N, C-alpha and C. Protein backbone atom coordinates (compact mmCIF):
# COMPACT_ATOMS: atom_id res chain seq x y z
N UNK A 1 72.65 90.96 117.51
CA UNK A 1 72.00 92.29 117.56
C UNK A 1 70.47 91.56 117.20
N UNK A 2 70.14 91.12 116.33
CA UNK A 2 68.99 90.81 115.48
C UNK A 2 68.01 90.00 116.77
N UNK A 3 68.70 89.16 117.70
CA UNK A 3 68.34 88.46 118.70
C UNK A 3 67.69 89.52 119.85
N UNK A 4 68.63 90.22 120.06
CA UNK A 4 68.50 91.28 121.24
C UNK A 4 67.65 92.68 120.41
N UNK A 5 67.34 92.68 119.72
CA UNK A 5 66.25 93.35 119.41
C UNK A 5 64.45 93.05 118.85
N UNK A 6 64.94 91.25 118.87
CA UNK A 6 63.48 90.67 118.66
C UNK A 6 63.12 90.38 119.98
N UNK A 7 63.76 90.44 121.09
CA UNK A 7 63.51 89.92 122.58
C UNK A 7 62.91 91.42 123.00
N UNK A 8 63.72 92.34 122.56
CA UNK A 8 63.08 93.82 123.23
C UNK A 8 61.46 93.66 122.42
N UNK A 9 61.31 93.84 121.49
CA UNK A 9 60.38 93.94 120.83
C UNK A 9 59.43 93.03 121.27
N UNK A 10 59.56 91.35 121.51
CA UNK A 10 58.72 90.45 122.35
C UNK A 10 58.41 91.01 123.90
N UNK A 11 58.79 91.65 124.85
CA UNK A 11 58.88 92.00 126.09
C UNK A 11 57.77 93.24 125.83
N UNK A 12 58.13 94.37 124.89
CA UNK A 12 57.19 95.47 124.63
C UNK A 12 56.26 95.13 123.64
N UNK A 13 55.92 94.17 123.22
CA UNK A 13 54.67 93.88 122.48
C UNK A 13 53.79 93.22 123.64
N UNK A 14 54.15 92.32 124.40
CA UNK A 14 53.63 92.05 125.53
C UNK A 14 53.02 93.33 126.49
N UNK A 15 53.46 94.07 127.05
CA UNK A 15 53.13 95.33 127.55
C UNK A 15 52.25 96.00 126.99
N UNK A 16 52.71 96.55 125.75
CA UNK A 16 51.59 96.87 124.51
C UNK A 16 50.11 96.28 124.59
N UNK A 17 50.39 94.65 124.67
CA UNK A 17 49.08 94.31 124.86
C UNK A 17 48.13 94.26 125.95
N UNK A 18 49.30 94.19 127.22
CA UNK A 18 48.55 94.52 128.37
C UNK A 18 47.72 96.14 128.42
N UNK A 19 48.35 97.22 127.77
CA UNK A 19 48.06 98.26 127.83
C UNK A 19 47.06 98.66 127.15
N UNK A 20 46.52 97.65 126.13
CA UNK A 20 45.58 97.86 124.86
C UNK A 20 44.23 96.59 124.86
N UNK A 21 44.67 96.03 124.53
CA UNK A 21 44.08 94.50 124.10
C UNK A 21 43.51 94.00 126.00
N UNK A 22 42.43 94.09 125.77
CA UNK A 22 40.94 93.46 126.58
C UNK A 22 41.48 93.85 127.92
N UNK A 23 41.76 95.38 128.18
CA UNK A 23 42.31 96.18 129.23
C UNK A 23 41.75 97.51 128.89
N UNK A 24 41.12 98.05 129.93
CA UNK A 24 40.47 99.16 130.34
C UNK A 24 41.07 100.08 131.42
N UNK A 25 41.36 101.51 131.20
CA UNK A 25 41.54 102.21 132.34
C UNK A 25 39.95 102.37 133.27
N UNK A 26 40.86 101.85 134.38
CA UNK A 26 39.42 102.47 135.92
C UNK A 26 39.50 103.90 135.94
N UNK A 27 38.12 104.03 136.70
CA UNK A 27 37.63 105.29 137.38
C UNK A 27 38.44 105.64 138.19
N UNK A 28 38.34 106.73 138.91
CA UNK A 28 38.84 107.13 140.07
C UNK A 28 38.17 106.23 141.50
N UNK A 29 36.90 106.20 141.22
CA UNK A 29 36.29 105.10 142.15
C UNK A 29 36.87 103.49 142.17
N UNK A 30 36.93 103.18 141.17
CA UNK A 30 37.25 101.73 140.68
C UNK A 30 38.51 101.73 141.51
N UNK A 31 39.18 102.66 141.20
CA UNK A 31 41.13 102.53 141.07
C UNK A 31 41.00 103.07 142.98
N UNK A 32 40.25 103.64 143.59
CA UNK A 32 39.93 103.71 145.14
C UNK A 32 39.50 102.24 145.75
N UNK A 33 38.87 101.59 145.40
CA UNK A 33 38.90 100.40 145.79
C UNK A 33 39.84 99.17 145.34
N UNK A 34 40.36 99.46 144.93
CA UNK A 34 41.61 98.76 144.38
C UNK A 34 42.87 98.75 145.24
N UNK A 35 42.89 99.66 145.45
CA UNK A 35 43.80 100.75 146.92
C UNK A 35 43.50 99.72 147.86
N UNK A 36 42.31 100.41 148.49
CA UNK A 36 41.66 99.71 149.50
C UNK A 36 41.94 98.36 149.32
N UNK A 37 41.64 96.96 148.67
CA UNK A 37 41.82 95.80 148.48
C UNK A 37 43.02 95.31 148.57
N UNK A 38 44.16 95.92 147.85
CA UNK A 38 45.77 95.48 147.68
C UNK A 38 46.01 95.82 149.37
N UNK A 39 45.62 97.06 149.60
CA UNK A 39 46.17 97.31 151.22
C UNK A 39 46.15 96.59 152.66
N UNK A 40 44.30 96.45 152.45
CA UNK A 40 43.88 95.52 152.89
C UNK A 40 44.47 93.72 153.08
N UNK A 41 44.75 93.34 151.87
CA UNK A 41 45.40 92.20 151.36
C UNK A 41 46.96 92.02 152.01
N UNK A 42 47.28 92.75 151.77
CA UNK A 42 48.90 93.01 152.51
C UNK A 42 49.25 93.18 154.33
N UNK A 43 47.90 94.22 154.28
CA UNK A 43 48.07 94.45 156.18
C UNK A 43 48.36 93.64 157.40
N UNK A 44 48.38 91.99 156.96
CA UNK A 44 48.05 91.19 157.68
C UNK A 44 49.55 90.42 157.66
N UNK A 45 50.30 90.75 156.72
CA UNK A 45 51.29 89.79 156.44
C UNK A 45 52.62 90.46 157.20
N UNK A 46 53.28 88.62 157.89
CA UNK A 46 54.26 89.23 158.69
C UNK A 46 55.68 88.42 157.57
N UNK A 47 55.16 87.56 156.80
CA UNK A 47 56.54 87.20 156.09
C UNK A 47 55.83 86.68 154.85
N UNK A 48 56.93 86.64 153.74
CA UNK A 48 56.57 86.43 152.69
C UNK A 48 57.56 85.12 152.12
N UNK A 49 57.57 83.87 151.46
CA UNK A 49 58.52 83.88 150.51
C UNK A 49 57.80 83.21 149.34
N UNK A 50 58.95 83.84 148.50
CA UNK A 50 58.22 83.03 146.48
C UNK A 50 59.70 83.03 145.69
N UNK A 51 59.34 82.27 145.11
CA UNK A 51 60.04 82.21 143.98
C UNK A 51 60.06 83.48 143.04
N UNK A 52 61.58 83.83 142.39
CA UNK A 52 60.83 84.95 141.33
C UNK A 52 62.06 84.54 139.78
N UNK A 53 61.47 85.07 138.99
CA UNK A 53 62.57 85.43 138.09
C UNK A 53 62.44 86.33 137.35
N UNK A 54 63.57 86.93 136.95
CA UNK A 54 64.11 88.26 136.67
C UNK A 54 64.80 88.07 135.53
N UNK A 55 64.09 88.99 134.00
CA UNK A 55 64.63 88.88 133.39
C UNK A 55 65.12 90.29 132.88
N UNK A 56 66.48 90.85 132.68
CA UNK A 56 67.36 91.94 132.53
C UNK A 56 67.39 92.59 131.43
N UNK A 57 67.26 93.71 130.65
CA UNK A 57 67.82 93.74 129.77
C UNK A 57 68.59 94.76 129.59
N UNK A 58 69.91 94.87 128.76
CA UNK A 58 71.19 95.63 128.92
C UNK A 58 71.34 96.13 128.09
N UNK A 59 71.16 97.84 127.04
CA UNK A 59 71.89 97.40 126.21
C UNK A 59 73.10 97.78 125.60
N UNK A 60 73.71 97.24 126.54
CA UNK A 60 75.10 96.61 125.92
C UNK A 60 75.57 95.18 125.70
N UNK A 61 74.50 94.63 126.35
CA UNK A 61 74.67 92.86 126.09
C UNK A 61 73.69 92.95 124.96
N UNK A 62 74.32 91.77 123.98
CA UNK A 62 73.31 91.48 122.92
C UNK A 62 72.24 90.31 123.45
N UNK A 63 72.16 89.45 124.66
CA UNK A 63 71.47 89.04 125.27
C UNK A 63 71.08 89.39 126.34
N UNK A 64 69.41 88.93 126.43
CA UNK A 64 69.07 89.41 128.26
C UNK A 64 69.78 88.44 129.34
N UNK A 65 69.30 88.92 130.41
CA UNK A 65 70.13 87.81 131.56
C UNK A 65 68.67 87.32 132.16
N UNK A 66 68.52 86.39 132.40
CA UNK A 66 67.91 85.91 133.05
C UNK A 66 67.97 84.95 134.07
N UNK A 67 67.50 85.33 135.72
CA UNK A 67 67.82 84.71 136.95
C UNK A 67 66.54 84.57 137.42
N UNK A 68 67.20 83.42 137.99
CA UNK A 68 66.03 82.70 139.08
C UNK A 68 66.08 82.33 140.55
N UNK A 69 65.73 82.58 141.52
CA UNK A 69 65.37 82.58 143.15
C UNK A 69 63.97 82.77 143.77
N UNK A 70 64.88 82.97 145.23
CA UNK A 70 64.01 83.04 146.36
C UNK A 70 63.81 84.28 146.49
N UNK A 71 62.61 84.86 147.58
CA UNK A 71 62.89 86.19 147.92
C UNK A 71 62.25 85.96 149.54
N UNK A 72 62.34 86.48 149.87
CA UNK A 72 62.96 86.47 151.63
C UNK A 72 61.95 87.45 152.27
N UNK A 73 60.90 87.97 152.42
CA UNK A 73 60.03 89.46 153.12
C UNK A 73 60.11 88.84 154.69
N UNK A 74 60.57 89.62 156.12
CA UNK A 74 60.03 89.37 156.95
C UNK A 74 60.04 90.47 157.70
N UNK A 75 58.62 91.26 158.15
CA UNK A 75 58.56 92.06 158.68
C UNK A 75 59.25 92.98 160.22
N UNK A 76 59.24 93.64 159.61
CA UNK A 76 58.96 95.16 159.52
C UNK A 76 60.17 95.33 157.78
N UNK A 77 61.24 95.05 158.06
CA UNK A 77 61.77 95.56 156.38
C UNK A 77 63.25 94.69 156.23
N UNK A 78 62.84 93.48 157.12
CA UNK A 78 64.02 92.36 156.14
C UNK A 78 63.31 91.76 155.25
N UNK A 79 64.66 92.05 153.86
CA UNK A 79 64.21 91.58 152.64
C UNK A 79 65.77 90.67 152.23
N UNK A 80 65.64 89.28 151.58
CA UNK A 80 66.89 88.55 151.15
C UNK A 80 66.46 88.28 150.23
N UNK A 81 67.67 88.56 148.92
CA UNK A 81 66.98 87.90 147.54
C UNK A 81 68.13 87.00 147.21
N UNK A 82 67.73 86.10 146.92
CA UNK A 82 68.47 84.65 146.77
C UNK A 82 68.45 83.89 145.83
N UNK A 83 69.66 84.13 145.08
CA UNK A 83 69.89 84.15 143.68
C UNK A 83 70.42 82.40 143.37
N UNK A 84 69.36 81.56 142.76
CA UNK A 84 70.07 80.24 142.43
C UNK A 84 70.44 80.13 140.86
N UNK A 85 70.42 81.50 140.11
CA UNK A 85 70.91 80.83 138.95
C UNK A 85 71.21 82.11 137.67
N UNK A 86 71.83 82.29 137.31
CA UNK A 86 73.03 81.61 136.61
C UNK A 86 73.70 81.16 137.77
N UNK A 87 74.15 81.53 139.03
CA UNK A 87 74.86 81.42 139.98
C UNK A 87 74.66 81.84 141.43
N UNK A 88 74.84 81.24 142.16
CA UNK A 88 74.42 81.32 143.64
C UNK A 88 74.90 82.48 143.91
N UNK A 89 73.97 83.64 144.52
CA UNK A 89 74.75 84.79 145.37
C UNK A 89 73.16 85.59 146.16
N UNK A 90 73.75 86.38 146.91
CA UNK A 90 72.43 86.50 147.98
C UNK A 90 72.44 88.07 148.23
N UNK A 91 71.79 88.50 148.39
CA UNK A 91 71.76 90.54 148.08
C UNK A 91 70.56 90.32 149.37
N UNK A 92 71.33 90.99 150.87
CA UNK A 92 70.58 91.25 151.61
C UNK A 92 70.03 92.47 152.05
N UNK A 93 68.99 93.20 152.50
CA UNK A 93 68.79 94.77 152.71
C UNK A 93 68.46 94.34 154.35
N UNK A 94 69.27 95.67 154.80
CA UNK A 94 69.46 96.14 156.05
C UNK A 94 68.86 97.71 156.28
N UNK A 95 68.78 98.42 156.57
CA UNK A 95 68.79 100.19 156.45
C UNK A 95 69.10 100.32 154.93
N UNK A 96 70.10 101.34 155.43
CA UNK A 96 70.82 101.89 154.06
C UNK A 96 71.78 100.71 153.06
N UNK A 97 71.76 99.72 153.91
CA UNK A 97 73.13 98.66 153.77
C UNK A 97 72.52 97.80 152.93
N UNK A 98 73.12 97.21 152.08
CA UNK A 98 73.05 95.95 151.45
C UNK A 98 74.49 94.93 151.24
N UNK A 99 74.21 93.78 152.22
CA UNK A 99 74.90 93.24 151.98
C UNK A 99 74.63 92.00 150.44
N UNK A 100 76.45 91.81 149.67
CA UNK A 100 76.09 90.75 148.78
C UNK A 100 76.61 89.75 149.32
N UNK A 101 75.98 88.21 149.43
CA UNK A 101 76.84 87.49 149.67
C UNK A 101 76.97 86.28 149.13
N UNK A 102 78.46 86.08 148.57
CA UNK A 102 78.96 84.97 147.27
C UNK A 102 80.43 84.27 147.96
N UNK A 103 79.96 82.48 147.59
CA UNK A 103 80.85 81.79 149.02
C UNK A 103 81.05 82.19 149.95
N UNK A 104 80.01 82.73 150.91
CA UNK A 104 80.87 82.73 152.39
C UNK A 104 81.28 84.30 152.27
N UNK A 105 81.54 84.65 150.96
CA UNK A 105 82.25 86.13 151.78
C UNK A 105 81.04 87.19 151.45
N UNK A 106 81.23 88.18 152.26
CA UNK A 106 79.99 89.12 151.97
C UNK A 106 80.37 90.41 151.61
N UNK A 107 79.86 91.38 151.08
CA UNK A 107 80.56 92.36 150.59
C UNK A 107 79.09 93.54 150.55
N UNK A 108 79.84 94.76 151.45
CA UNK A 108 78.81 95.58 152.36
C UNK A 108 78.35 96.97 151.31
N UNK A 109 77.31 97.57 150.90
CA UNK A 109 77.35 98.48 149.91
C UNK A 109 76.39 99.34 150.33
N UNK A 110 76.96 100.49 150.42
CA UNK A 110 76.15 102.20 150.98
C UNK A 110 74.81 102.32 149.89
N UNK A 111 74.06 101.77 149.91
CA UNK A 111 72.88 102.23 149.39
C UNK A 111 72.75 103.48 148.64
N UNK A 112 72.79 104.53 149.56
CA UNK A 112 72.93 105.88 149.56
C UNK A 112 74.22 106.58 148.03
N UNK A 113 75.20 105.59 147.51
CA UNK A 113 75.29 105.46 146.21
C UNK A 113 74.49 104.69 145.25
N UNK A 114 73.81 103.71 145.25
CA UNK A 114 73.40 102.95 144.31
C UNK A 114 71.89 103.16 144.21
N UNK A 115 71.24 104.44 144.19
CA UNK A 115 69.90 104.81 143.96
C UNK A 115 68.54 103.96 143.50
N UNK A 116 69.33 103.10 142.37
CA UNK A 116 68.47 102.41 141.45
C UNK A 116 67.99 101.33 142.35
N UNK A 117 69.06 100.66 142.89
CA UNK A 117 68.81 99.15 143.79
C UNK A 117 68.25 99.76 144.86
N UNK A 118 68.34 101.10 145.51
CA UNK A 118 67.75 101.70 146.90
C UNK A 118 66.33 100.96 146.56
N UNK A 119 65.90 102.12 145.55
CA UNK A 119 64.68 102.10 145.06
C UNK A 119 63.77 100.77 144.98
N UNK A 120 64.77 100.38 143.63
CA UNK A 120 63.80 98.56 143.59
C UNK A 120 63.39 98.24 144.57
N UNK A 121 64.12 98.19 145.79
CA UNK A 121 63.93 97.51 147.00
C UNK A 121 63.15 97.93 147.86
N UNK A 122 62.88 99.50 147.59
CA UNK A 122 61.55 100.27 147.98
C UNK A 122 60.58 99.70 148.16
N UNK A 123 60.68 99.82 146.36
CA UNK A 123 59.23 99.43 145.45
C UNK A 123 58.70 98.23 146.38
N UNK A 124 59.78 96.85 145.94
CA UNK A 124 59.06 95.20 146.27
C UNK A 124 58.71 95.52 147.77
N UNK A 125 59.46 95.97 148.53
CA UNK A 125 58.85 96.40 150.24
C UNK A 125 58.01 97.10 150.40
N UNK A 126 57.08 97.91 149.90
CA UNK A 126 56.08 98.42 150.04
C UNK A 126 55.10 97.96 149.77
N UNK A 127 55.18 97.32 148.16
CA UNK A 127 54.44 96.63 147.53
C UNK A 127 53.76 95.11 148.60
N UNK A 128 54.92 95.12 149.42
CA UNK A 128 53.83 93.65 150.06
C UNK A 128 53.38 94.72 151.34
N UNK A 129 53.77 95.67 151.86
CA UNK A 129 53.61 96.49 152.83
C UNK A 129 51.89 96.88 152.50
N UNK A 130 51.60 97.11 151.33
CA UNK A 130 50.51 97.92 150.52
C UNK A 130 50.33 99.23 150.79
N UNK A 131 51.57 99.63 150.78
CA UNK A 131 51.70 101.57 151.25
C UNK A 131 52.07 101.82 149.63
N UNK A 132 52.26 101.28 148.60
CA UNK A 132 52.78 101.68 147.84
C UNK A 132 52.31 102.93 146.87
N UNK A 133 50.82 103.16 146.93
CA UNK A 133 50.35 104.35 145.97
C UNK A 133 50.67 105.34 146.44
N UNK A 134 51.86 106.15 146.03
CA UNK A 134 52.12 107.48 146.78
C UNK A 134 51.75 108.89 145.48
N UNK A 135 50.68 109.30 145.91
CA UNK A 135 50.26 110.06 144.80
C UNK A 135 51.05 110.93 144.90
N UNK A 136 51.98 111.53 145.57
CA UNK A 136 52.96 112.70 145.85
C UNK A 136 53.97 112.34 145.31
N UNK A 137 54.61 111.31 144.96
CA UNK A 137 55.88 110.90 144.52
C UNK A 137 55.27 110.11 143.16
N UNK A 138 54.40 109.98 142.78
CA UNK A 138 54.08 109.03 141.56
C UNK A 138 52.47 109.73 140.72
N UNK A 139 52.88 110.03 139.22
CA UNK A 139 51.40 109.58 138.85
C UNK A 139 50.61 108.67 138.45
N UNK A 140 49.58 107.55 139.20
CA UNK A 140 49.14 106.76 138.90
C UNK A 140 47.87 106.93 137.57
N UNK A 141 48.31 105.81 137.21
CA UNK A 141 47.40 104.98 136.24
C UNK A 141 46.65 104.18 136.27
N UNK A 142 45.59 103.29 136.63
CA UNK A 142 45.11 102.13 136.74
C UNK A 142 44.30 101.35 135.28
N UNK A 143 44.54 100.08 135.25
CA UNK A 143 44.08 99.12 134.01
C UNK A 143 43.72 98.32 134.74
N UNK A 144 42.51 97.53 134.10
CA UNK A 144 42.01 95.85 134.38
C UNK A 144 41.87 95.24 133.32
N UNK A 145 42.32 94.21 133.08
CA UNK A 145 41.67 92.73 132.09
C UNK A 145 41.57 91.81 133.01
N UNK A 146 40.99 91.20 132.30
CA UNK A 146 39.66 89.88 132.89
C UNK A 146 41.12 88.97 133.91
N UNK A 147 42.13 89.32 133.92
CA UNK A 147 42.82 88.70 135.07
C UNK A 147 43.32 88.97 136.29
N UNK A 148 43.71 90.52 135.76
CA UNK A 148 45.43 91.39 136.58
C UNK A 148 44.18 92.64 136.23
N UNK A 149 45.07 93.48 137.38
CA UNK A 149 45.48 94.48 137.49
C UNK A 149 46.21 95.14 137.30
N UNK A 150 46.64 96.23 136.38
CA UNK A 150 47.77 97.04 136.28
C UNK A 150 47.72 98.39 136.47
N UNK A 151 49.32 98.65 137.32
CA UNK A 151 49.13 100.20 137.68
C UNK A 151 50.43 100.29 136.77
N UNK A 152 50.05 102.32 136.92
CA UNK A 152 51.55 102.41 136.18
C UNK A 152 51.84 103.95 136.91
N UNK A 153 53.40 103.67 137.31
CA UNK A 153 53.63 105.09 138.15
C UNK A 153 54.57 105.71 137.52
N UNK A 154 54.54 106.67 137.62
CA UNK A 154 55.21 107.64 136.65
C UNK A 154 55.75 108.52 137.98
N UNK A 155 56.89 108.63 137.79
CA UNK A 155 57.29 109.42 139.04
C UNK A 155 57.50 111.02 138.93
N UNK A 156 57.33 111.82 139.91
CA UNK A 156 57.22 113.17 139.55
C UNK A 156 58.18 114.13 139.27
N UNK A 157 59.18 113.65 140.51
CA UNK A 157 60.15 113.95 140.49
C UNK A 157 61.16 114.05 139.88
N UNK A 158 62.11 115.13 139.07
CA UNK A 158 62.96 115.17 138.27
C UNK A 158 64.33 114.31 138.58
N UNK A 159 64.61 114.20 140.25
CA UNK A 159 65.53 113.81 140.42
C UNK A 159 65.70 111.83 140.68
N UNK A 160 64.21 111.43 140.49
CA UNK A 160 64.00 110.33 140.58
C UNK A 160 63.40 109.27 139.63
N UNK A 161 63.63 110.08 138.08
CA UNK A 161 63.69 109.86 136.57
C UNK A 161 64.63 109.53 136.48
N UNK A 162 65.96 109.91 137.35
CA UNK A 162 67.20 109.80 136.36
C UNK A 162 67.94 108.13 137.01
N UNK A 163 66.77 107.75 137.63
CA UNK A 163 67.09 106.41 137.75
C UNK A 163 66.33 105.44 136.94
N UNK A 164 65.11 105.87 136.96
CA UNK A 164 63.97 105.50 136.41
C UNK A 164 63.07 106.28 135.64
N UNK A 165 62.44 105.81 134.63
CA UNK A 165 61.25 106.75 133.90
C UNK A 165 59.79 106.59 134.17
N UNK A 166 59.45 104.87 134.71
CA UNK A 166 58.30 104.81 134.90
C UNK A 166 58.46 102.74 135.24
N UNK A 167 57.56 102.78 135.71
CA UNK A 167 57.38 101.13 136.54
C UNK A 167 55.97 100.71 136.26
N UNK A 168 55.44 99.47 136.02
CA UNK A 168 54.65 98.86 136.47
C UNK A 168 54.20 98.04 137.17
N UNK A 169 53.25 97.81 137.73
CA UNK A 169 52.70 96.99 138.69
C UNK A 169 51.55 95.66 138.00
N UNK A 170 51.67 94.41 138.15
CA UNK A 170 50.56 93.93 137.92
C UNK A 170 50.72 92.78 139.31
N UNK A 171 48.96 93.22 139.35
CA UNK A 171 48.44 93.10 140.53
C UNK A 171 47.54 91.51 140.72
N UNK A 172 47.14 90.27 141.69
CA UNK A 172 46.08 89.80 140.81
C UNK A 172 44.68 89.46 141.48
N UNK A 173 43.50 89.59 140.77
CA UNK A 173 42.69 89.71 140.72
C UNK A 173 42.07 88.74 142.03
N UNK A 174 42.63 87.76 142.41
CA UNK A 174 42.64 86.55 143.11
C UNK A 174 43.21 87.17 144.68
N UNK A 175 43.97 87.76 144.58
CA UNK A 175 44.35 87.85 146.36
C UNK A 175 44.75 88.97 146.37
N UNK A 176 44.69 89.60 145.53
CA UNK A 176 45.41 91.23 144.96
C UNK A 176 47.37 91.52 145.60
N UNK A 177 47.62 90.43 145.37
CA UNK A 177 49.31 90.44 145.62
C UNK A 177 49.56 90.80 144.39
N UNK A 178 51.16 91.50 144.66
CA UNK A 178 51.89 91.80 143.40
C UNK A 178 52.46 90.37 142.77
N UNK A 179 52.14 90.06 141.13
CA UNK A 179 52.52 89.07 140.50
C UNK A 179 53.84 89.67 139.47
N UNK A 180 53.87 91.00 139.21
CA UNK A 180 54.70 91.11 138.14
C UNK A 180 55.34 92.61 138.28
N UNK A 181 56.62 93.06 138.29
CA UNK A 181 56.95 94.26 138.28
C UNK A 181 58.08 94.61 137.39
N UNK A 182 57.66 95.63 136.25
CA UNK A 182 58.33 96.10 134.85
C UNK A 182 58.65 97.20 135.28
N UNK A 183 60.26 97.44 135.55
CA UNK A 183 61.03 98.70 135.75
C UNK A 183 61.80 99.40 134.76
N UNK A 184 61.10 100.67 134.17
CA UNK A 184 61.61 101.02 132.78
C UNK A 184 62.87 102.01 133.63
N UNK A 185 64.13 101.68 133.11
CA UNK A 185 65.24 102.95 133.54
C UNK A 185 65.51 103.94 132.31
N UNK A 186 66.09 104.85 133.00
CA UNK A 186 66.26 106.07 132.20
C UNK A 186 67.04 105.69 131.12
N UNK A 187 68.24 104.89 131.20
CA UNK A 187 69.03 105.13 130.30
C UNK A 187 68.76 103.50 129.37
N UNK A 188 67.14 103.36 128.95
CA UNK A 188 66.53 102.70 127.93
C UNK A 188 66.59 100.76 128.46
N UNK A 189 67.19 100.43 129.90
CA UNK A 189 67.25 99.41 130.15
C UNK A 189 66.17 99.26 131.04
N UNK A 190 65.60 97.99 130.56
CA UNK A 190 64.45 97.22 131.88
C UNK A 190 64.60 95.93 132.40
N UNK A 191 63.56 96.09 133.14
CA UNK A 191 64.12 94.87 134.29
C UNK A 191 62.72 94.46 134.51
N UNK A 192 62.20 93.22 134.28
CA UNK A 192 61.08 91.96 134.61
C UNK A 192 61.72 91.19 135.49
N UNK A 193 60.63 91.58 136.82
CA UNK A 193 60.10 90.49 137.86
C UNK A 193 59.37 89.93 138.11
N UNK A 194 59.28 88.67 137.89
CA UNK A 194 57.67 88.00 138.26
C UNK A 194 57.81 87.01 139.61
N UNK A 195 56.98 86.95 140.46
CA UNK A 195 56.67 86.30 141.69
C UNK A 195 55.70 85.25 141.37
N UNK A 196 56.37 84.21 141.71
CA UNK A 196 55.85 82.66 141.55
C UNK A 196 55.77 82.31 143.12
N UNK A 197 54.54 81.31 143.30
CA UNK A 197 54.56 80.58 144.37
C UNK A 197 54.78 81.06 145.51
N UNK A 198 54.14 82.09 145.95
CA UNK A 198 54.06 82.56 146.99
C UNK A 198 53.21 81.81 148.35
N UNK A 199 54.53 82.14 149.49
CA UNK A 199 54.06 81.66 151.36
C UNK A 199 54.13 82.75 151.88
N UNK A 200 52.40 82.60 152.38
CA UNK A 200 52.62 84.02 153.49
C UNK A 200 52.03 83.50 154.80
N UNK A 201 52.93 84.18 155.66
CA UNK A 201 52.86 84.12 156.96
C UNK A 201 53.59 82.97 157.28
N UNK A 202 54.47 82.57 156.62
CA UNK A 202 55.19 80.97 157.32
C UNK A 202 56.63 81.53 158.22
N UNK A 203 56.72 80.25 159.03
CA UNK A 203 57.99 80.27 159.60
C UNK A 203 59.11 80.90 158.54
N UNK A 204 59.63 82.15 159.09
CA UNK A 204 61.39 82.57 158.33
C UNK A 204 62.00 82.64 159.77
N UNK A 205 63.39 81.95 159.89
CA UNK A 205 64.06 82.31 161.11
C UNK A 205 64.83 83.36 160.46
N UNK A 206 66.00 83.90 161.64
CA UNK A 206 66.12 85.13 161.39
C UNK A 206 67.31 85.18 161.08
N UNK A 207 67.82 83.56 161.27
CA UNK A 207 69.55 83.63 160.52
C UNK A 207 69.05 83.79 158.92
N UNK A 208 68.26 83.71 158.31
CA UNK A 208 68.18 83.57 156.78
C UNK A 208 68.40 84.81 156.47
N UNK A 209 68.26 86.14 157.32
CA UNK A 209 69.18 87.43 156.70
C UNK A 209 70.68 87.86 157.61
N UNK A 210 71.42 86.65 158.06
CA UNK A 210 72.52 86.80 158.41
C UNK A 210 73.16 87.16 157.87
N UNK A 211 74.43 88.22 158.06
CA UNK A 211 75.29 88.42 157.62
C UNK A 211 76.82 87.94 158.43
N UNK A 212 77.62 87.58 157.45
CA UNK A 212 79.02 87.59 158.42
C UNK A 212 79.84 88.92 158.70
């Protein structure tokens, strides 16, 4: 239990530092410029391949669950999360269906019955496409540090807040691509996903997203 509290405090302190030290809230004019740059940077993305590290805090577990893998995206909406550790498993999103592939066996999940996973996938997909800044759905607050931009999203609709309270997106100041996503779930759990070693517009075969 002490380790769990330490890990939770450490990650919370990390984001507290982002929101307090060396960071200032951006003006409306500055926020508009950032949105334009993110949208422009994402406009010509036809494919994306990158490594990711996912840290999942679950209240019922003593330790956090850390997973690593590769994310594949191909325009318009092909997404595959290929987990390499702690075990080999892939998640392929096709429309409102999620296919979980493990040891050559696939299981189909209707995303209408799992809104949290559906929303998380939509967040990542929309961030790649650059159309994430929806002020009809979210209250948005923009911050700038010496190294990145942080945008805090708070859902306006109660039905969305049943799944998550808010999330932060950290964008690079060099290429305006998404570097990390921090999702705070309504039940107190949280997920941090860090994206690394991005490869844009490389060749990704359609077979990458094939399911049995």
